[in-house]
Amino acid sequence: MGIRDKENSRKSVNSNVGAIVGKETKQETPSALNEDLTQKAYYITKYQYRKLRMLSVNREVDMSYLIREMLDKYLQDQEEN
């Protein structure tokens, strides 16, 4: 088995993850959005990551979507104060 075979196998497994757990996952991609997105890296705690991950699975949305949603809410609250 060559490197390309391993890469193709890995892609196949990743694309079937939703089917394995019996749920369709709704993933956003930047190209699918009408917004001008930028990618940045920030540090969060392991606890925050686990809670965010659980929320994204329960709501069947992408983690990036949740972070943008929470950040918009926080910024709106700050403007009102």
PDB file of N, CA and C in Angstrom:
ATOM      1  N   MET A   1       0.854  -1.175   0.000  1.00  0.00           N
ATOM      2  CA  MET A   1       0.000   0.000   0.000  1.00  0.00           C
ATOM      3  C   MET A   1       0.896   1.233   0.000  1.00  0.00           C
ATOM      4  N   GLY A   2       0.698   2.088  -1.003  1.00  0.00           N
ATOM      5  CA  GLY A   2       1.504   3.288  -1.134  1.00  0.00           C
ATOM      6  C   GLY A   2       0.931   4.451  -0.345  1.00  0.00           C
ATOM      7  N   ILE A   3       1.637   5.550  -0.361  1.00  0.00           N
ATOM      8  CA  ILE A   3       1.216   6.746   0.364  1.00  0.00           C
ATOM      9  C   ILE A   3      -0.118   7.261  -0.153  1.00  0.00           C
ATOM     10  N   ARG A   4      -0.299   7.276  -1.460  1.00  0.00           N
ATOM     11  CA  ARG A   4      -1.564   7.752  -2.035  1.00  0.00           C
ATOM     12  C   ARG A   4      -2.733   6.860  -1.608  1.00  0.00           C
ATOM     13  N   ASP A   5      -2.500   5.554  -1.536  1.00  0.00           N
ATOM     14  CA  ASP A   5      -3.552   4.642  -1.081  1.00  0.00           C
ATOM     15  C   ASP A   5      -3.948   4.953   0.355  1.00  0.00           C
ATOM     16  N   LYS A   6      -2.955   5.210   1.201  1.00  0.00           N
ATOM     17  CA  LYS A   6      -3.236   5.542   2.601  1.00  0.00           C
ATOM     18  C   LYS A   6      -4.007   6.854   2.696  1.00  0.00           C
ATOM     19  N   GLU A   7      -3.616   7.849   1.898  1.00  0.00           N
ATOM     20  CA  GLU A   7      -4.319   9.132   1.914  1.00  0.00           C
ATOM     21  C   GLU A   7      -5.764   8.966   1.461  1.00  0.00           C
ATOM     22  N   ASN A   8      -5.979   8.184   0.426  1.00  0.00           N
ATOM     23  CA  ASN A   8      -7.347   7.952  -0.055  1.00  0.00           C
ATOM     24  C   ASN A   8      -8.181   7.204   0.968  1.00  0.00           C
ATOM     25  N   SER A   9      -7.584   6.239   1.662  1.00  0.00           N
ATOM     26  CA  SER A   9      -8.296   5.511   2.710  1.00  0.00           C
ATOM     27  C   SER A   9      -8.693   6.445   3.836  1.00  0.00           C
ATOM     28  N   ARG A  10      -7.781   7.321   4.206  1.00  0.00           N
ATOM     29  CA  ARG A  10      -8.042   8.278   5.277  1.00  0.00           C
ATOM     30  C   ARG A  10      -9.164   9.217   4.883  1.00  0.00           C
ATOM     31  N   LYS A  11      -9.174   9.700   3.641  1.00  0.00           N
ATOM     32  CA  LYS A  11     -10.242  10.573   3.166  1.00  0.00           C
ATOM     33  C   LYS A  11     -11.575   9.850   3.193  1.00  0.00           C
ATOM     34  N   SER A  12     -11.569   8.589   2.809  1.00  0.00           N
ATOM     35  CA  SER A  12     -12.793   7.795   2.806  1.00  0.00           C
ATOM     36  C   SER A  12     -13.354   7.648   4.210  1.00  0.00           C
ATOM     37  N   VAL A  13     -12.494   7.372   5.171  1.00  0.00           N
ATOM     38  CA  VAL A  13     -12.932   7.238   6.563  1.00  0.00           C
ATOM     39  C   VAL A  13     -13.484   8.553   7.065  1.00  0.00           C
ATOM     40  N   ASN A  14     -12.790   9.666   6.812  1.00  0.00           N
ATOM     41  CA  ASN A  14     -13.244  10.971   7.279  1.00  0.00           C
ATOM     42  C   ASN A  14     -14.577  11.353   6.667  1.00  0.00           C
ATOM     43  N   SER A  15     -14.809  11.027   5.415  1.00  0.00           N
ATOM     44  CA  SER A  15     -16.063  11.399   4.777  1.00  0.00           C
ATOM     45  C   SER A  15     -17.231  10.560   5.277  1.00  0.00           C
ATOM     46  N   ASN A  16     -16.951   9.415   5.881  1.00  0.00           N
ATOM     47  CA  ASN A  16     -18.015   8.534   6.367  1.00  0.00           C
ATOM     48  C   ASN A  16     -18.260   8.639   7.867  1.00  0.00           C
ATOM     49  N   VAL A  17     -17.594   9.544   8.541  1.00  0.00           N
ATOM     50  CA  VAL A  17     -17.743   9.647   9.995  1.00  0.00           C
ATOM     51  C   VAL A  17     -19.181   9.919  10.381  1.00  0.00           C
ATOM     52  N   GLY A  18     -19.863  10.833   9.690  1.00  0.00           N
ATOM     53  CA  GLY A  18     -21.263  11.125  10.000  1.00  0.00           C
ATOM     54  C   GLY A  18     -22.143   9.905   9.842  1.00  0.00           C
ATOM     55  N   ALA A  19     -21.871   9.090   8.835  1.00  0.00           N
ATOM     56  CA  ALA A  19     -22.669   7.891   8.598  1.00  0.00           C
ATOM     57  C   ALA A  19     -22.434   6.857   9.687  1.00  0.00           C
ATOM     58  N   ILE A  20     -21.218   6.795  10.201  1.00  0.00           N
ATOM     59  CA  ILE A  20     -20.904   5.814  11.235  1.00  0.00           C
ATOM     60  C   ILE A  20     -21.686   6.088  12.502  1.00  0.00           C
ATOM     61  N   VAL A  21     -21.786   7.347  12.905  1.00  0.00           N
ATOM     62  CA  VAL A  21     -22.503   7.672  14.136  1.00  0.00           C
ATOM     63  C   VAL A  21     -23.995   7.821  13.892  1.00  0.00           C
ATOM     64  N   GLY A  22     -24.419   7.717  12.644  1.00  0.00           N
ATOM     65  CA  GLY A  22     -25.839   7.744  12.341  1.00  0.00           C
ATOM     66  C   GLY A  22     -26.421   9.137  12.230  1.00  0.00           C
ATOM     67  N   LYS A  23     -25.580  10.152  12.093  1.00  0.00           N
ATOM     68  CA  LYS A  23     -26.062  11.521  11.967  1.00  0.00           C
ATOM     69  C   LYS A  23     -25.427  12.158  10.748  1.00  0.00           C
ATOM     70  N   GLU A  24     -26.192  13.014  10.132  1.00  0.00           N
ATOM     71  CA  GLU A  24     -25.596  13.840   9.090  1.00  0.00           C
ATOM     72  C   GLU A  24     -25.041  15.068   9.772  1.00  0.00           C
ATOM     73  N   THR A  25     -23.818  15.405   9.463  1.00  0.00           N
ATOM     74  CA  THR A  25     -23.230  16.590  10.062  1.00  0.00           C
ATOM     75  C   THR A  25     -23.323  17.743   9.088  1.00  0.00           C
ATOM     76  N   LYS A  26     -23.666  18.901   9.595  1.00  0.00           N
ATOM     77  CA  LYS A  26     -23.761  20.094   8.779  1.00  0.00           C
ATOM     78  C   LYS A  26     -22.479  20.887   8.970  1.00  0.00           C
ATOM     79  N   GLN A  27     -21.641  20.871   7.986  1.00  0.00           N
ATOM     80  CA  GLN A  27     -20.366  21.576   8.058  1.00  0.00           C
ATOM     81  C   GLN A  27     -20.414  22.796   7.154  1.00  0.00           C
ATOM     82  N   GLU A  28     -19.908  23.893   7.666  1.00  0.00           N
ATOM     83  CA  GLU A  28     -19.789  25.092   6.867  1.00  0.00           C
ATOM     84  C   GLU A  28     -18.401  25.145   6.268  1.00  0.00           C
ATOM     85  N   THR A  29     -18.311  25.681   5.109  1.00  0.00           N
ATOM     86  CA  THR A  29     -17.006  25.966   4.541  1.00  0.00           C
ATOM     87  C   THR A  29     -16.986  27.442   4.193  1.00  0.00           C
ATOM     88  N   PRO A  30     -15.840  28.082   4.359  1.00  0.00           N
ATOM     89  CA  PRO A  30     -15.782  29.508   4.050  1.00  0.00           C
ATOM     90  C   PRO A  30     -16.299  29.847   2.663  1.00  0.00           C
ATOM     91  N   SER A  31     -16.089  28.983   1.689  1.00  0.00           N
ATOM     92  CA  SER A  31     -16.564  29.270   0.335  1.00  0.00           C
ATOM     93  C   SER A  31     -18.090  29.237   0.249  1.00  0.00           C
ATOM     94  N   ALA A  32     -18.739  28.581   1.216  1.00  0.00           N
ATOM     95  CA  ALA A  32     -20.190  28.473   1.194  1.00  0.00           C
ATOM     96  C   ALA A  32     -20.866  29.667   1.872  1.00  0.00           C
ATOM     97  N   LEU A  33     -20.078  30.520   2.488  1.00  0.00           N
ATOM     98  CA  LEU A  33     -20.637  31.654   3.207  1.00  0.00           C
ATOM     99  C   LEU A  33     -20.569  32.920   2.372  1.00  0.00           C
ATOM    100  N   ASN A  34     -21.453  33.852   2.673  1.00  0.00           N
ATOM    101  CA  ASN A  34     -21.435  35.137   1.979  1.00  0.00           C
ATOM    102  C   ASN A  34     -20.622  36.163   2.749  1.00  0.00           C
ATOM    103  N   GLU A  35     -19.936  35.753   3.764  1.00  0.00           N
ATOM    104  CA  GLU A  35     -19.176  36.662   4.603  1.00  0.00           C
ATOM    105  C   GLU A  35     -17.706  36.649   4.211  1.00  0.00           C
ATOM    106  N   ASP A  36     -17.018  37.696   4.589  1.00  0.00           N
ATOM    107  CA  ASP A  36     -15.586  37.762   4.392  1.00  0.00           C
ATOM    108  C   ASP A  36     -14.933  37.219   5.660  1.00  0.00           C
ATOM    109  N   LEU A  37     -14.506  35.978   5.610  1.00  0.00           N
ATOM    110  CA  LEU A  37     -13.953  35.324   6.793  1.00  0.00           C
ATOM    111  C   LEU A  37     -12.441  35.370   6.785  1.00  0.00           C
ATOM    112  N   THR A  38     -11.873  35.329   7.985  1.00  0.00           N
ATOM    113  CA  THR A  38     -10.440  35.228   8.134  1.00  0.00           C
ATOM    114  C   THR A  38     -10.151  34.162   9.179  1.00  0.00           C
ATOM    115  N   GLN A  39      -9.055  33.459   9.021  1.00  0.00           N
ATOM    116  CA  GLN A  39      -8.716  32.389   9.952  1.00  0.00           C
ATOM    117  C   GLN A  39      -7.654  32.895  10.917  1.00  0.00           C
ATOM    118  N   LYS A  40      -7.923  32.758  12.211  1.00  0.00           N
ATOM    119  CA  LYS A  40      -6.995  33.155  13.272  1.00  0.00           C
ATOM    120  C   LYS A  40      -6.921  32.023  14.286  1.00  0.00           C
ATOM    121  N   ALA A  41      -5.878  32.019  15.087  1.00  0.00           N
ATOM    122  CA  ALA A  41      -5.720  30.992  16.124  1.00  0.00           C
ATOM    123  C   ALA A  41      -5.719  31.674  17.490  1.00  0.00           C
ATOM    124  N   TYR A  42      -6.534  31.152  18.400  1.00  0.00           N
ATOM    125  CA  TYR A  42      -6.610  31.660  19.763  1.00  0.00           C
ATOM    126  C   TYR A  42      -6.578  30.477  20.712  1.00  0.00           C
ATOM    127  N   TYR A  43      -6.109  30.707  21.920  1.00  0.00           N
ATOM    128  CA  TYR A  43      -6.021  29.640  22.900  1.00  0.00           C
ATOM    129  C   TYR A  43      -7.278  29.612  23.769  1.00  0.00           C
ATOM    130  N   ILE A  44      -7.834  28.418  23.928  1.00  0.00           N
ATOM    131  CA  ILE A  44      -8.944  28.199  24.855  1.00  0.00           C
ATOM    132  C   ILE A  44      -8.576  27.013  25.733  1.00  0.00           C
ATOM    133  N   THR A  45      -9.279  26.881  26.849  1.00  0.00           N
ATOM    134  CA  THR A  45      -8.982  25.775  27.752  1.00  0.00           C
ATOM    135  C   THR A  45      -9.552  24.475  27.195  1.00  0.00           C
ATOM    136  N   LYS A  46      -9.063  23.370  27.714  1.00  0.00           N
ATOM    137  CA  LYS A  46      -9.596  22.067  27.305  1.00  0.00           C
ATOM    138  C   LYS A  46     -11.066  21.960  27.667  1.00  0.00           C
ATOM    139  N   TYR A  47     -11.440  22.502  28.817  1.00  0.00           N
ATOM    140  CA  TYR A  47     -12.839  22.484  29.251  1.00  0.00           C
ATOM    141  C   TYR A  47     -13.710  23.253  28.252  1.00  0.00           C
ATOM    142  N   GLN A  48     -13.262  24.451  27.853  1.00  0.00           N
ATOM    143  CA  GLN A  48     -14.017  25.246  26.891  1.00  0.00           C
ATOM    144  C   GLN A  48     -14.154  24.511  25.563  1.00  0.00           C
ATOM    145  N   TYR A  49     -13.075  23.874  25.133  1.00  0.00           N
ATOM    146  CA  TYR A  49     -13.118  23.126  23.875  1.00  0.00           C
ATOM    147  C   TYR A  49     -14.122  21.983  23.956  1.00  0.00           C
ATOM    148  N   ARG A  50     -14.092  21.215  25.049  1.00  0.00           N
ATOM    149  CA  ARG A  50     -15.016  20.083  25.188  1.00  0.00           C
ATOM    150  C   ARG A  50     -16.464  20.555  25.199  1.00  0.00           C
ATOM    151  N   LYS A  51     -16.742  21.625  25.932  1.00  0.00           N
ATOM    152  CA  LYS A  51     -18.116  22.137  25.993  1.00  0.00           C
ATOM    153  C   LYS A  51     -18.563  22.664  24.627  1.00  0.00           C
ATOM    154  N   LEU A  52     -17.672  23.367  23.947  1.00  0.00           N
ATOM    155  CA  LEU A  52     -17.977  23.881  22.617  1.00  0.00           C
ATOM    156  C   LEU A  52     -18.219  22.739  21.646  1.00  0.00           C
ATOM    157  N   ARG A  53     -17.404  21.713  21.720  1.00  0.00           N
ATOM    158  CA  ARG A  53     -17.552  20.548  20.843  1.00  0.00           C
ATOM    159  C   ARG A  53     -18.885  19.845  21.089  1.00  0.00           C
ATOM    160  N   MET A  54     -19.232  19.656  22.358  1.00  0.00           N
ATOM    161  CA  MET A  54     -20.508  19.003  22.688  1.00  0.00           C
ATOM    162  C   MET A  54     -21.681  19.829  22.174  1.00  0.00           C
ATOM    163  N   LEU A  55     -21.598  21.150  22.335  1.00  0.00           N
ATOM    164  CA  LEU A  55     -22.672  22.016  21.857  1.00  0.00           C
ATOM    165  C   LEU A  55     -22.791  21.952  20.338  1.00  0.00           C
ATOM    166  N   SER A  56     -21.663  21.916  19.655  1.00  0.00           N
ATOM    167  CA  SER A  56     -21.712  21.855  18.192  1.00  0.00           C
ATOM    168  C   SER A  56     -22.316  20.539  17.703  1.00  0.00           C
ATOM    169  N   VAL A  57     -22.007  19.456  18.395  1.00  0.00           N
ATOM    170  CA  VAL A  57     -22.586  18.157  18.022  1.00  0.00           C
ATOM    171  C   VAL A  57     -24.088  18.153  18.301  1.00  0.00           C
ATOM    172  N   ASN A  58     -24.484  18.654  19.469  1.00  0.00           N
ATOM    173  CA  ASN A  58     -25.907  18.674  19.820  1.00  0.00           C
ATOM    174  C   ASN A  58     -26.725  19.540  18.875  1.00  0.00           C
ATOM    175  N   ARG A  59     -26.166  20.666  18.449  1.00  0.00           N
ATOM    176  CA  ARG A  59     -26.879  21.572  17.545  1.00  0.00           C
ATOM    177  C   ARG A  59     -26.643  21.241  16.085  1.00  0.00           C
ATOM    178  N   GLU A  60     -25.737  20.299  15.826  1.00  0.00           N
ATOM    179  CA  GLU A  60     -25.393  19.868  14.471  1.00  0.00           C
ATOM    180  C   GLU A  60     -24.929  21.038  13.608  1.00  0.00           C
ATOM    181  N   VAL A  61     -24.037  21.845  14.176  1.00  0.00           N
ATOM    182  CA  VAL A  61     -23.432  22.959  13.443  1.00  0.00           C
ATOM    183  C   VAL A  61     -21.925  22.922  13.632  1.00  0.00           C
ATOM    184  N   ASP A  62     -21.246  23.646  12.791  1.00  0.00           N
ATOM    185  CA  ASP A  62     -19.798  23.734  12.839  1.00  0.00           C
ATOM    186  C   ASP A  62     -19.350  24.545  14.060  1.00  0.00           C
ATOM    187  N   MET A  63     -18.226  24.165  14.651  1.00  0.00           N
ATOM    188  CA  MET A  63     -17.705  24.887  15.817  1.00  0.00           C
ATOM    189  C   MET A  63     -17.392  26.338  15.475  1.00  0.00           C
ATOM    190  N   SER A  64     -16.894  26.601  14.285  1.00  0.00           N
ATOM    191  CA  SER A  64     -16.593  27.976  13.875  1.00  0.00           C
ATOM    192  C   SER A  64     -17.860  28.827  13.860  1.00  0.00           C
ATOM    193  N   TYR A  65     -18.953  28.229  13.426  1.00  0.00           N
ATOM    194  CA  TYR A  65     -20.227  28.943  13.428  1.00  0.00           C
ATOM    195  C   TYR A  65     -20.609  29.342  14.845  1.00  0.00           C
ATOM    196  N   LEU A  66     -20.477  28.409  15.793  1.00  0.00           N
ATOM    197  CA  LEU A  66     -20.822  28.709  17.182  1.00  0.00           C
ATOM    198  C   LEU A  66     -19.951  29.828  17.751  1.00  0.00           C
ATOM    199  N   ILE A  67     -18.685  29.789  17.447  1.00  0.00           N
ATOM    200  CA  ILE A  67     -17.780  30.816  17.958  1.00  0.00           C
ATOM    201  C   ILE A  67     -18.156  32.179  17.392  1.00  0.00           C
ATOM    202  N   ARG A  68     -18.453  32.252  16.091  1.00  0.00           N
ATOM    203  CA  ARG A  68     -18.875  33.524  15.508  1.00  0.00           C
ATOM    204  C   ARG A  68     -20.175  34.005  16.132  1.00  0.00           C
ATOM    205  N   GLU A  69     -21.100  33.080  16.352  1.00  0.00           N
ATOM    206  CA  GLU A  69     -22.387  33.421  16.951  1.00  0.00           C
ATOM    207  C   GLU A  69     -22.198  33.983  18.369  1.00  0.00           C
ATOM    208  N   MET A  70     -21.366  33.322  19.172  1.00  0.00           N
ATOM    209  CA  MET A  70     -21.123  33.786  20.537  1.00  0.00           C
ATOM    210  C   MET A  70     -20.389  35.120  20.556  1.00  0.00           C
ATOM    211  N   LEU A  71     -19.430  35.279  19.664  1.00  0.00           N
ATOM    212  CA  LEU A  71     -18.669  36.517  19.599  1.00  0.00           C
ATOM    213  C   LEU A  71     -19.562  37.677  19.166  1.00  0.00           C
ATOM    214  N   ASP A  72     -20.436  37.458  18.199  1.00  0.00           N
ATOM    215  CA  ASP A  72     -21.384  38.498  17.788  1.00  0.00           C
ATOM    216  C   ASP A  72     -22.273  38.922  18.951  1.00  0.00           C
ATOM    217  N   LYS A  73     -22.771  37.942  19.701  1.00  0.00           N
ATOM    218  CA  LYS A  73     -23.630  38.237  20.855  1.00  0.00           C
ATOM    219  C   LYS A  73     -22.863  39.041  21.903  1.00  0.00           C
ATOM    220  N   TYR A  74     -21.645  38.639  22.199  1.00  0.00           N
ATOM    221  CA  TYR A  74     -20.825  39.343  23.185  1.00  0.00           C
ATOM    222  C   TYR A  74     -20.550  40.788  22.738  1.00  0.00           C
ATOM    223  N   LEU A  75     -20.174  40.956  21.480  1.00  0.00           N
ATOM    224  CA  LEU A  75     -19.872  42.297  20.977  1.00  0.00           C
ATOM    225  C   LEU A  75     -21.102  43.186  20.979  1.00  0.00           C
ATOM    226  N   GLN A  76     -22.246  42.615  20.663  1.00  0.00           N
ATOM    227  CA  GLN A  76     -23.498  43.373  20.696  1.00  0.00           C
ATOM    228  C   GLN A  76     -23.809  43.809  22.133  1.00  0.00           C
ATOM    229  N   ASP A  77     -23.630  42.910  23.089  1.00  0.00           N
ATOM    230  CA  ASP A  77     -23.864  43.241  24.493  1.00  0.00           C
ATOM    231  C   ASP A  77     -22.917  44.353  24.962  1.00  0.00           C
ATOM    232  N   GLN A  78     -21.680  44.329  24.501  1.00  0.00           N
ATOM    233  CA  GLN A  78     -20.719  45.356  24.880  1.00  0.00           C
ATOM    234  C   GLN A  78     -21.094  46.718  24.330  1.00  0.00           C
ATOM    235  N   GLU A  79     -21.614  46.740  23.116  1.00  0.00           N
ATOM    236  CA  GLU A  79     -22.034  48.000  22.508  1.00  0.00           C
ATOM    237  C   GLU A  79     -23.221  48.600  23.237  1.00  0.00           C
ATOM    238  N   GLU A  80     -24.097  47.761  23.777  1.00  0.00           N
ATOM    239  CA  GLU A  80     -25.288  48.237  24.479  1.00  0.00           C
ATOM    240  C   GLU A  80     -24.954  48.787  25.858  1.00  0.00           C
ATOM    241  N   ASN A  81     -23.825  48.407  26.416  1.00  0.00           N
ATOM    242  CA  ASN A  81     -23.440  48.883  27.764  1.00  0.00           C
ATOM    243  C   ASN A  81     -22.673  50.161  27.719  1.00  0.00           C
TER     244      ASN A  81
END
